[in-house]
Amino acid sequence: MLVGAVVVYRNGGAAALIAPAAALFVTARFYTGDPYYKPDFQSYAEGNSPVWAFVLLGLAFLAAATTLFWRRTAGVESVAVLVLLLFPAMFMGLH
């Protein structure tokens, strides 16, 4: 995600789609299981509200649209969303 942030900041265009791809990854990982609880399946979503995952997903698609169609900001929104997505991707599943 950090490499994607550098790529998006340097050149917009199709690189702006990195933020939605990262958001889809985080959202999909949110619904996967934790191998630590092998005998009985437990996903990361159990006991947690999925609102934050879908808010980040919406922000990522909004950032991609503004990066593609409003070039003035040059991908700052996508970089900010990628940094926000970095934290749940890194710390999801810590015990």
PDB file of N, CA and C in Angstrom:
ATOM      1  N   MET A   1       0.814  -1.180   0.000  1.00  0.00           N
ATOM      2  CA  MET A   1       0.000   0.000   0.000  1.00  0.00           C
ATOM      3  C   MET A   1       0.865   1.254   0.000  1.00  0.00           C
ATOM      4  N   LEU A   2       2.027   1.170   0.615  1.00  0.00           N
ATOM      5  CA  LEU A   2       2.921   2.329   0.588  1.00  0.00           C
ATOM      6  C   LEU A   2       3.480   2.548  -0.815  1.00  0.00           C
ATOM      7  N   VAL A   3       3.795   1.475  -1.510  1.00  0.00           N
ATOM      8  CA  VAL A   3       4.266   1.605  -2.891  1.00  0.00           C
ATOM      9  C   VAL A   3       3.153   2.174  -3.759  1.00  0.00           C
ATOM     10  N   GLY A   4       1.936   1.719  -3.534  1.00  0.00           N
ATOM     11  CA  GLY A   4       0.795   2.261  -4.270  1.00  0.00           C
ATOM     12  C   GLY A   4       0.609   3.736  -4.010  1.00  0.00           C
ATOM     13  N   ALA A   5       0.867   4.180  -2.779  1.00  0.00           N
ATOM     14  CA  ALA A   5       0.748   5.602  -2.453  1.00  0.00           C
ATOM     15  C   ALA A   5       1.760   6.425  -3.237  1.00  0.00           C
ATOM     16  N   VAL A   6       2.960   5.908  -3.392  1.00  0.00           N
ATOM     17  CA  VAL A   6       3.987   6.626  -4.165  1.00  0.00           C
ATOM     18  C   VAL A   6       3.619   6.659  -5.639  1.00  0.00           C
ATOM     19  N   VAL A   7       3.139   5.535  -6.169  1.00  0.00           N
ATOM     20  CA  VAL A   7       2.761   5.471  -7.581  1.00  0.00           C
ATOM     21  C   VAL A   7       1.607   6.411  -7.879  1.00  0.00           C
ATOM     22  N   VAL A   8       0.613   6.436  -7.011  1.00  0.00           N
ATOM     23  CA  VAL A   8      -0.542   7.311  -7.230  1.00  0.00           C
ATOM     24  C   VAL A   8      -0.132   8.765  -7.165  1.00  0.00           C
ATOM     25  N   TYR A   9       0.741   9.099  -6.237  1.00  0.00           N
ATOM     26  CA  TYR A   9       1.132  10.500  -6.084  1.00  0.00           C
ATOM     27  C   TYR A   9       1.959  10.981  -7.271  1.00  0.00           C
ATOM     28  N   ARG A  10       2.770  10.105  -7.838  1.00  0.00           N
ATOM     29  CA  ARG A  10       3.622  10.515  -8.962  1.00  0.00           C
ATOM     30  C   ARG A  10       2.858  10.663 -10.268  1.00  0.00           C
ATOM     31  N   ASN A  11       1.980   9.709 -10.561  1.00  0.00           N
ATOM     32  CA  ASN A  11       1.196   9.800 -11.796  1.00  0.00           C
ATOM     33  C   ASN A  11      -0.197   9.249 -11.546  1.00  0.00           C
ATOM     34  N   GLY A  12      -1.199  10.087 -11.763  1.00  0.00           N
ATOM     35  CA  GLY A  12      -2.607   9.717 -11.515  1.00  0.00           C
ATOM     36  C   GLY A  12      -3.063   8.647 -12.487  1.00  0.00           C
ATOM     37  N   GLY A  13      -4.032   8.968 -13.323  1.00  0.00           N
ATOM     38  CA  GLY A  13      -4.511   8.044 -14.349  1.00  0.00           C
ATOM     39  C   GLY A  13      -4.981   6.722 -13.793  1.00  0.00           C
ATOM     40  N   ALA A  14      -4.540   5.650 -14.414  1.00  0.00           N
ATOM     41  CA  ALA A  14      -4.973   4.313 -14.001  1.00  0.00           C
ATOM     42  C   ALA A  14      -4.414   3.933 -12.637  1.00  0.00           C
ATOM     43  N   ALA A  15      -3.360   4.601 -12.197  1.00  0.00           N
ATOM     44  CA  ALA A  15      -2.806   4.320 -10.872  1.00  0.00           C
ATOM     45  C   ALA A  15      -3.769   4.713  -9.761  1.00  0.00           C
ATOM     46  N   ALA A  16      -4.757   5.537 -10.080  1.00  0.00           N
ATOM     47  CA  ALA A  16      -5.753   5.931  -9.080  1.00  0.00           C
ATOM     48  C   ALA A  16      -6.628   4.763  -8.663  1.00  0.00           C
ATOM     49  N   LEU A  17      -6.631   3.695  -9.439  1.00  0.00           N
ATOM     50  CA  LEU A  17      -7.441   2.524  -9.098  1.00  0.00           C
ATOM     51  C   LEU A  17      -6.780   1.639  -8.048  1.00  0.00           C
ATOM     52  N   ILE A  18      -5.583   2.015  -7.597  1.00  0.00           N
ATOM     53  CA  ILE A  18      -4.907   1.248  -6.556  1.00  0.00           C
ATOM     54  C   ILE A  18      -5.645   1.379  -5.229  1.00  0.00           C
ATOM     55  N   ALA A  19      -6.170   2.550  -4.920  1.00  0.00           N
ATOM     56  CA  ALA A  19      -6.891   2.745  -3.657  1.00  0.00           C
ATOM     57  C   ALA A  19      -8.149   1.872  -3.577  1.00  0.00           C
ATOM     58  N   PRO A  20      -8.993   1.815  -4.620  1.00  0.00           N
ATOM     59  CA  PRO A  20     -10.132   0.892  -4.526  1.00  0.00           C
ATOM     60  C   PRO A  20      -9.713  -0.578  -4.442  1.00  0.00           C
ATOM     61  N   ALA A  21      -8.629  -0.940  -5.104  1.00  0.00           N
ATOM     62  CA  ALA A  21      -8.164  -2.325  -5.027  1.00  0.00           C
ATOM     63  C   ALA A  21      -7.713  -2.661  -3.604  1.00  0.00           C
ATOM     64  N   ALA A  22      -7.024  -1.737  -2.974  1.00  0.00           N
ATOM     65  CA  ALA A  22      -6.595  -1.957  -1.591  1.00  0.00           C
ATOM     66  C   ALA A  22      -7.791  -2.003  -0.652  1.00  0.00           C
ATOM     67  N   ALA A  23      -8.794  -1.176  -0.904  1.00  0.00           N
ATOM     68  CA  ALA A  23      -9.994  -1.178  -0.063  1.00  0.00           C
ATOM     69  C   ALA A  23     -10.771  -2.479  -0.227  1.00  0.00           C
ATOM     70  N   LEU A  24     -10.834  -2.996  -1.451  1.00  0.00           N
ATOM     71  CA  LEU A  24     -11.490  -4.290  -1.664  1.00  0.00           C
ATOM     72  C   LEU A  24     -10.731  -5.414  -0.963  1.00  0.00           C
ATOM     73  N   PHE A  25      -9.406  -5.310  -0.946  1.00  0.00           N
ATOM     74  CA  PHE A  25      -8.592  -6.294  -0.231  1.00  0.00           C
ATOM     75  C   PHE A  25      -8.893  -6.264   1.268  1.00  0.00           C
ATOM     76  N   VAL A  26      -8.942  -5.067   1.850  1.00  0.00           N
ATOM     77  CA  VAL A  26      -9.211  -4.946   3.287  1.00  0.00           C
ATOM     78  C   VAL A  26     -10.621  -5.424   3.611  1.00  0.00           C
ATOM     79  N   THR A  27     -11.586  -5.087   2.764  1.00  0.00           N
ATOM     80  CA  THR A  27     -12.961  -5.528   3.001  1.00  0.00           C
ATOM     81  C   THR A  27     -13.075  -7.047   2.883  1.00  0.00           C
ATOM     82  N   ALA A  28     -12.429  -7.641   1.900  1.00  0.00           N
ATOM     83  CA  ALA A  28     -12.463  -9.097   1.755  1.00  0.00           C
ATOM     84  C   ALA A  28     -11.759  -9.787   2.924  1.00  0.00           C
ATOM     85  N   ARG A  29     -10.666  -9.210   3.365  1.00  0.00           N
ATOM     86  CA  ARG A  29      -9.942  -9.799   4.498  1.00  0.00           C
ATOM     87  C   ARG A  29     -10.750  -9.695   5.787  1.00  0.00           C
ATOM     88  N   PHE A  30     -11.569  -8.668   5.891  1.00  0.00           N
ATOM     89  CA  PHE A  30     -12.407  -8.489   7.073  1.00  0.00           C
ATOM     90  C   PHE A  30     -13.380  -9.653   7.232  1.00  0.00           C
ATOM     91  N   TYR A  31     -13.798 -10.254   6.134  1.00  0.00           N
ATOM     92  CA  TYR A  31     -14.759 -11.356   6.189  1.00  0.00           C
ATOM     93  C   TYR A  31     -14.107 -12.739   6.116  1.00  0.00           C
ATOM     94  N   THR A  32     -12.784 -12.805   6.111  1.00  0.00           N
ATOM     95  CA  THR A  32     -12.110 -14.100   6.100  1.00  0.00           C
ATOM     96  C   THR A  32     -11.952 -14.622   7.517  1.00  0.00           C
ATOM     97  N   GLY A  33     -11.574 -15.869   7.612  1.00  0.00           N
ATOM     98  CA  GLY A  33     -11.418 -16.495   8.913  1.00  0.00           C
ATOM     99  C   GLY A  33     -10.027 -16.323   9.477  1.00  0.00           C
ATOM    100  N   ASP A  34      -9.923 -16.541  10.760  1.00  0.00           N
ATOM    101  CA  ASP A  34      -8.654 -16.459  11.460  1.00  0.00           C
ATOM    102  C   ASP A  34      -8.146 -17.878  11.678  1.00  0.00           C
ATOM    103  N   PRO A  35      -6.969 -18.228  11.155  1.00  0.00           N
ATOM    104  CA  PRO A  35      -6.480 -19.604  11.320  1.00  0.00           C
ATOM    105  C   PRO A  35      -6.131 -19.944  12.769  1.00  0.00           C
ATOM    106  N   TYR A  36      -6.036 -18.957  13.628  1.00  0.00           N
ATOM    107  CA  TYR A  36      -5.747 -19.212  15.035  1.00  0.00           C
ATOM    108  C   TYR A  36      -6.886 -20.008  15.682  1.00  0.00           C
ATOM    109  N   TYR A  37      -8.104 -19.713  15.263  1.00  0.00           N
ATOM    110  CA  TYR A  37      -9.273 -20.414  15.784  1.00  0.00           C
ATOM    111  C   TYR A  37      -9.668 -21.542  14.826  1.00  0.00           C
ATOM    112  N   LYS A  38      -8.751 -22.454  14.572  1.00  0.00           N
ATOM    113  CA  LYS A  38      -8.942 -23.485  13.551  1.00  0.00           C
ATOM    114  C   LYS A  38     -10.137 -24.410  13.804  1.00  0.00           C
ATOM    115  N   PRO A  39     -10.339 -24.956  14.982  1.00  0.00           N
ATOM    116  CA  PRO A  39     -11.459 -25.908  15.119  1.00  0.00           C
ATOM    117  C   PRO A  39     -12.828 -25.291  14.855  1.00  0.00           C
ATOM    118  N   ASP A  40     -13.069 -24.116  15.349  1.00  0.00           N
ATOM    119  CA  ASP A  40     -14.357 -23.470  15.078  1.00  0.00           C
ATOM    120  C   ASP A  40     -14.088 -22.153  14.363  1.00  0.00           C
ATOM    121  N   PHE A  41     -14.701 -22.031  13.196  1.00  0.00           N
ATOM    122  CA  PHE A  41     -14.447 -20.884  12.315  1.00  0.00           C
ATOM    123  C   PHE A  41     -14.879 -19.580  12.982  1.00  0.00           C
ATOM    124  N   GLN A  42     -13.989 -18.611  12.940  1.00  0.00           N
ATOM    125  CA  GLN A  42     -14.321 -17.280  13.439  1.00  0.00           C
ATOM    126  C   GLN A  42     -13.714 -16.260  12.482  1.00  0.00           C
ATOM    127  N   SER A  43     -14.568 -15.431  11.901  1.00  0.00           N
ATOM    128  CA  SER A  43     -14.062 -14.406  10.992  1.00  0.00           C
ATOM    129  C   SER A  43     -13.760 -13.137  11.778  1.00  0.00           C
ATOM    130  N   TYR A  44     -13.008 -12.240  11.152  1.00  0.00           N
ATOM    131  CA  TYR A  44     -12.692 -10.972  11.798  1.00  0.00           C
ATOM    132  C   TYR A  44     -13.949 -10.123  11.974  1.00  0.00           C
ATOM    133  N   ALA A  45     -14.944 -10.375  11.168  1.00  0.00           N
ATOM    134  CA  ALA A  45     -16.180  -9.589  11.213  1.00  0.00           C
ATOM    135  C   ALA A  45     -17.062  -9.961  12.400  1.00  0.00           C
ATOM    136  N   GLU A  46     -16.870 -11.141  12.962  1.00  0.00           N
ATOM    137  CA  GLU A  46     -17.710 -11.557  14.083  1.00  0.00           C
ATOM    138  C   GLU A  46     -17.413 -10.698  15.304  1.00  0.00           C
ATOM    139  N   GLY A  47     -18.465 -10.083  15.824  1.00  0.00           N
ATOM    140  CA  GLY A  47     -18.310  -9.250  17.002  1.00  0.00           C
ATOM    141  C   GLY A  47     -17.860  -7.831  16.697  1.00  0.00           C
ATOM    142  N   ASN A  48     -17.655  -7.515  15.439  1.00  0.00           N
ATOM    143  CA  ASN A  48     -17.239  -6.176  15.033  1.00  0.00           C
ATOM    144  C   ASN A  48     -18.247  -5.602  14.053  1.00  0.00           C
ATOM    145  N   SER A  49     -18.334  -4.302  14.038  1.00  0.00           N
ATOM    146  CA  SER A  49     -19.241  -3.640  13.104  1.00  0.00           C
ATOM    147  C   SER A  49     -18.556  -3.475  11.751  1.00  0.00           C
ATOM    148  N   PRO A  50     -19.233  -3.822  10.655  1.00  0.00           N
ATOM    149  CA  PRO A  50     -18.612  -3.685   9.331  1.00  0.00           C
ATOM    150  C   PRO A  50     -18.681  -2.266   8.774  1.00  0.00           C
ATOM    151  N   VAL A  51     -19.186  -1.329   9.546  1.00  0.00           N
ATOM    152  CA  VAL A  51     -19.376   0.032   9.036  1.00  0.00           C
ATOM    153  C   VAL A  51     -18.048   0.647   8.615  1.00  0.00           C
ATOM    154  N   TRP A  52     -17.003   0.479   9.425  1.00  0.00           N
ATOM    155  CA  TRP A  52     -15.723   1.105   9.100  1.00  0.00           C
ATOM    156  C   TRP A  52     -15.140   0.550   7.799  1.00  0.00           C
ATOM    157  N   ALA A  53     -15.346  -0.736   7.537  1.00  0.00           N
ATOM    158  CA  ALA A  53     -14.813  -1.325   6.305  1.00  0.00           C
ATOM    159  C   ALA A  53     -15.521  -0.745   5.086  1.00  0.00           C
ATOM    160  N   PHE A  54     -16.832  -0.568   5.179  1.00  0.00           N
ATOM    161  CA  PHE A  54     -17.575  -0.025   4.038  1.00  0.00           C
ATOM    162  C   PHE A  54     -17.380   1.477   3.896  1.00  0.00           C
ATOM    163  N   VAL A  55     -17.122   2.169   4.986  1.00  0.00           N
ATOM    164  CA  VAL A  55     -16.798   3.602   4.889  1.00  0.00           C
ATOM    165  C   VAL A  55     -15.459   3.781   4.178  1.00  0.00           C
ATOM    166  N   LEU A  56     -14.469   2.966   4.535  1.00  0.00           N
ATOM    167  CA  LEU A  56     -13.177   3.037   3.844  1.00  0.00           C
ATOM    168  C   LEU A  56     -13.303   2.639   2.378  1.00  0.00           C
ATOM    169  N   LEU A  57     -14.168   1.674   2.090  1.00  0.00           N
ATOM    170  CA  LEU A  57     -14.396   1.271   0.702  1.00  0.00           C
ATOM    171  C   LEU A  57     -15.021   2.412  -0.095  1.00  0.00           C
ATOM    172  N   GLY A  58     -16.008   3.075   0.483  1.00  0.00           N
ATOM    173  CA  GLY A  58     -16.623   4.224  -0.184  1.00  0.00           C
ATOM    174  C   GLY A  58     -15.649   5.371  -0.362  1.00  0.00           C
ATOM    175  N   LEU A  59     -14.823   5.633   0.660  1.00  0.00           N
ATOM    176  CA  LEU A  59     -13.809   6.687   0.535  1.00  0.00           C
ATOM    177  C   LEU A  59     -12.802   6.368  -0.565  1.00  0.00           C
ATOM    178  N   ALA A  60     -12.459   5.097  -0.709  1.00  0.00           N
ATOM    179  CA  ALA A  60     -11.500   4.711  -1.745  1.00  0.00           C
ATOM    180  C   ALA A  60     -12.066   4.945  -3.143  1.00  0.00           C
ATOM    181  N   PHE A  61     -13.326   4.588  -3.354  1.00  0.00           N
ATOM    182  CA  PHE A  61     -13.926   4.814  -4.667  1.00  0.00           C
ATOM    183  C   PHE A  61     -14.129   6.309  -4.934  1.00  0.00           C
ATOM    184  N   LEU A  62     -14.453   7.060  -3.904  1.00  0.00           N
ATOM    185  CA  LEU A  62     -14.571   8.508  -4.051  1.00  0.00           C
ATOM    186  C   LEU A  62     -13.214   9.141  -4.362  1.00  0.00           C
ATOM    187  N   ALA A  63     -12.177   8.661  -3.698  1.00  0.00           N
ATOM    188  CA  ALA A  63     -10.830   9.174  -3.958  1.00  0.00           C
ATOM    189  C   ALA A  63     -10.376   8.838  -5.375  1.00  0.00           C
ATOM    190  N   ALA A  64     -10.718   7.643  -5.852  1.00  0.00           N
ATOM    191  CA  ALA A  64     -10.345   7.274  -7.221  1.00  0.00           C
ATOM    192  C   ALA A  64     -11.053   8.161  -8.229  1.00  0.00           C
ATOM    193  N   ALA A  65     -12.325   8.441  -7.976  1.00  0.00           N
ATOM    194  CA  ALA A  65     -13.078   9.306  -8.902  1.00  0.00           C
ATOM    195  C   ALA A  65     -12.514  10.717  -8.922  1.00  0.00           C
ATOM    196  N   THR A  66     -12.196  11.253  -7.746  1.00  0.00           N
ATOM    197  CA  THR A  66     -11.646  12.610  -7.735  1.00  0.00           C
ATOM    198  C   THR A  66     -10.250  12.654  -8.330  1.00  0.00           C
ATOM    199  N   THR A  67      -9.482  11.581  -8.167  1.00  0.00           N
ATOM    200  CA  THR A  67      -8.144  11.550  -8.763  1.00  0.00           C
ATOM    201  C   THR A  67      -8.226  11.473 -10.283  1.00  0.00           C
ATOM    202  N   LEU A  68      -9.186  10.717 -10.794  1.00  0.00           N
ATOM    203  CA  LEU A  68      -9.313  10.569 -12.248  1.00  0.00           C
ATOM    204  C   LEU A  68      -9.921  11.803 -12.912  1.00  0.00           C
ATOM    205  N   PHE A  69     -10.928  12.397 -12.280  1.00  0.00           N
ATOM    206  CA  PHE A  69     -11.676  13.457 -12.946  1.00  0.00           C
ATOM    207  C   PHE A  69     -11.325  14.874 -12.497  1.00  0.00           C
ATOM    208  N   TRP A  70     -10.692  15.010 -11.344  1.00  0.00           N
ATOM    209  CA  TRP A  70     -10.341  16.338 -10.850  1.00  0.00           C
ATOM    210  C   TRP A  70      -8.851  16.335 -10.573  1.00  0.00           C
ATOM    211  N   ARG A  71      -8.082  16.639 -11.566  1.00  0.00           N
ATOM    212  CA  ARG A  71      -6.621  16.488 -11.524  1.00  0.00           C
ATOM    213  C   ARG A  71      -5.911  17.521 -10.644  1.00  0.00           C
ATOM    214  N   ARG A  72      -6.625  18.494 -10.136  1.00  0.00           N
ATOM    215  CA  ARG A  72      -5.979  19.557  -9.374  1.00  0.00           C
ATOM    216  C   ARG A  72      -5.273  19.020  -8.130  1.00  0.00           C
ATOM    217  N   THR A  73      -5.876  18.039  -7.489  1.00  0.00           N
ATOM    218  CA  THR A  73      -5.301  17.530  -6.248  1.00  0.00           C
ATOM    219  C   THR A  73      -4.214  16.483  -6.473  1.00  0.00           C
ATOM    220  N   ALA A  74      -4.103  15.957  -7.649  1.00  0.00           N
ATOM    221  CA  ALA A  74      -3.025  15.047  -8.057  1.00  0.00           C
ATOM    222  C   ALA A  74      -2.890  13.807  -7.178  1.00  0.00           C
ATOM    223  N   GLY A  75      -3.986  13.262  -6.788  1.00  0.00           N
ATOM    224  CA  GLY A  75      -3.945  11.988  -6.075  1.00  0.00           C
ATOM    225  C   GLY A  75      -3.746  12.078  -4.578  1.00  0.00           C
ATOM    226  N   VAL A  76      -3.844  13.251  -4.005  1.00  0.00           N
ATOM    227  CA  VAL A  76      -3.668  13.387  -2.558  1.00  0.00           C
ATOM    228  C   VAL A  76      -4.726  12.582  -1.812  1.00  0.00           C
ATOM    229  N   GLU A  77      -5.939  12.564  -2.349  1.00  0.00           N
ATOM    230  CA  GLU A  77      -7.010  11.802  -1.701  1.00  0.00           C
ATOM    231  C   GLU A  77      -6.701  10.305  -1.699  1.00  0.00           C
ATOM    232  N   SER A  78      -6.214   9.797  -2.811  1.00  0.00           N
ATOM    233  CA  SER A  78      -5.893   8.369  -2.891  1.00  0.00           C
ATOM    234  C   SER A  78      -4.768   8.001  -1.933  1.00  0.00           C
ATOM    235  N   VAL A  79      -3.780   8.866  -1.820  1.00  0.00           N
ATOM    236  CA  VAL A  79      -2.681   8.604  -0.897  1.00  0.00           C
ATOM    237  C   VAL A  79      -3.197   8.596   0.537  1.00  0.00           C
ATOM    238  N   ALA A  80      -4.075   9.532   0.877  1.00  0.00           N
ATOM    239  CA  ALA A  80      -4.628   9.581   2.229  1.00  0.00           C
ATOM    240  C   ALA A  80      -5.441   8.324   2.540  1.00  0.00           C
ATOM    241  N   VAL A  81      -6.233   7.864   1.575  1.00  0.00           N
ATOM    242  CA  VAL A  81      -7.038   6.652   1.789  1.00  0.00           C
ATOM    243  C   VAL A  81      -6.128   5.437   1.896  1.00  0.00           C
ATOM    244  N   LEU A  82      -5.060   5.375   1.108  1.00  0.00           N
ATOM    245  CA  LEU A  82      -4.138   4.245   1.202  1.00  0.00           C
ATOM    246  C   LEU A  82      -3.464   4.200   2.569  1.00  0.00           C
ATOM    247  N   VAL A  83      -3.128   5.350   3.101  1.00  0.00           N
ATOM    248  CA  VAL A  83      -2.531   5.375   4.441  1.00  0.00           C
ATOM    249  C   VAL A  83      -3.563   4.926   5.485  1.00  0.00           C
ATOM    250  N   LEU A  84      -4.814   5.355   5.315  1.00  0.00           N
ATOM    251  CA  LEU A  84      -5.866   4.901   6.234  1.00  0.00           C
ATOM    252  C   LEU A  84      -6.098   3.397   6.122  1.00  0.00           C
ATOM    253  N   LEU A  85      -5.996   2.855   4.927  1.00  0.00           N
ATOM    254  CA  LEU A  85      -6.195   1.419   4.720  1.00  0.00           C
ATOM    255  C   LEU A  85      -5.024   0.588   5.224  1.00  0.00           C
ATOM    256  N   LEU A  86      -3.879   1.219   5.376  1.00  0.00           N
ATOM    257  CA  LEU A  86      -2.695   0.503   5.836  1.00  0.00           C
ATOM    258  C   LEU A  86      -2.882  -0.020   7.258  1.00  0.00           C
ATOM    259  N   PHE A  87      -3.524   0.766   8.102  1.00  0.00           N
ATOM    260  CA  PHE A  87      -3.671   0.372   9.503  1.00  0.00           C
ATOM    261  C   PHE A  87      -4.560  -0.859   9.693  1.00  0.00           C
ATOM    262  N   PRO A  88      -5.761  -0.912   9.117  1.00  0.00           N
ATOM    263  CA  PRO A  88      -6.528  -2.151   9.312  1.00  0.00           C
ATOM    264  C   PRO A  88      -5.889  -3.355   8.637  1.00  0.00           C
ATOM    265  N   ALA A  89      -5.201  -3.149   7.530  1.00  0.00           N
ATOM    266  CA  ALA A  89      -4.556  -4.284   6.858  1.00  0.00           C
ATOM    267  C   ALA A  89      -3.421  -4.848   7.712  1.00  0.00           C
ATOM    268  N   MET A  90      -2.720  -3.971   8.403  1.00  0.00           N
ATOM    269  CA  MET A  90      -1.603  -4.431   9.235  1.00  0.00           C
ATOM    270  C   MET A  90      -2.068  -5.023  10.568  1.00  0.00           C
ATOM    271  N   PHE A  91      -3.056  -4.404  11.194  1.00  0.00           N
ATOM    272  CA  PHE A  91      -3.404  -4.785  12.554  1.00  0.00           C
ATOM    273  C   PHE A  91      -4.621  -5.692  12.646  1.00  0.00           C
ATOM    274  N   MET A  92      -5.194  -6.085  11.528  1.00  0.00           N
ATOM    275  CA  MET A  92      -6.328  -7.002  11.561  1.00  0.00           C
ATOM    276  C   MET A  92      -5.807  -8.397  11.903  1.00  0.00           C
ATOM    277  N   GLY A  93      -6.356  -8.973  12.928  1.00  0.00           N
ATOM    278  CA  GLY A  93      -5.966 -10.321  13.296  1.00  0.00           C
ATOM    279  C   GLY A  93      -4.944 -10.397  14.397  1.00  0.00           C
ATOM    280  N   LEU A  94      -4.564  -9.278  14.985  1.00  0.00           N
ATOM    281  CA  LEU A  94      -3.655  -9.344  16.115  1.00  0.00           C
ATOM    282  C   LEU A  94      -4.400  -9.853  17.339  1.00  0.00           C
ATOM    283  N   HIS A  95      -3.749 -10.652  18.115  1.00  0.00           N
ATOM    284  CA  HIS A  95      -4.409 -11.241  19.298  1.00  0.00           C
ATOM    285  C   HIS A  95      -3.896 -10.590  20.550  1.00  0.00           C
TER     286      HIS A  95
END
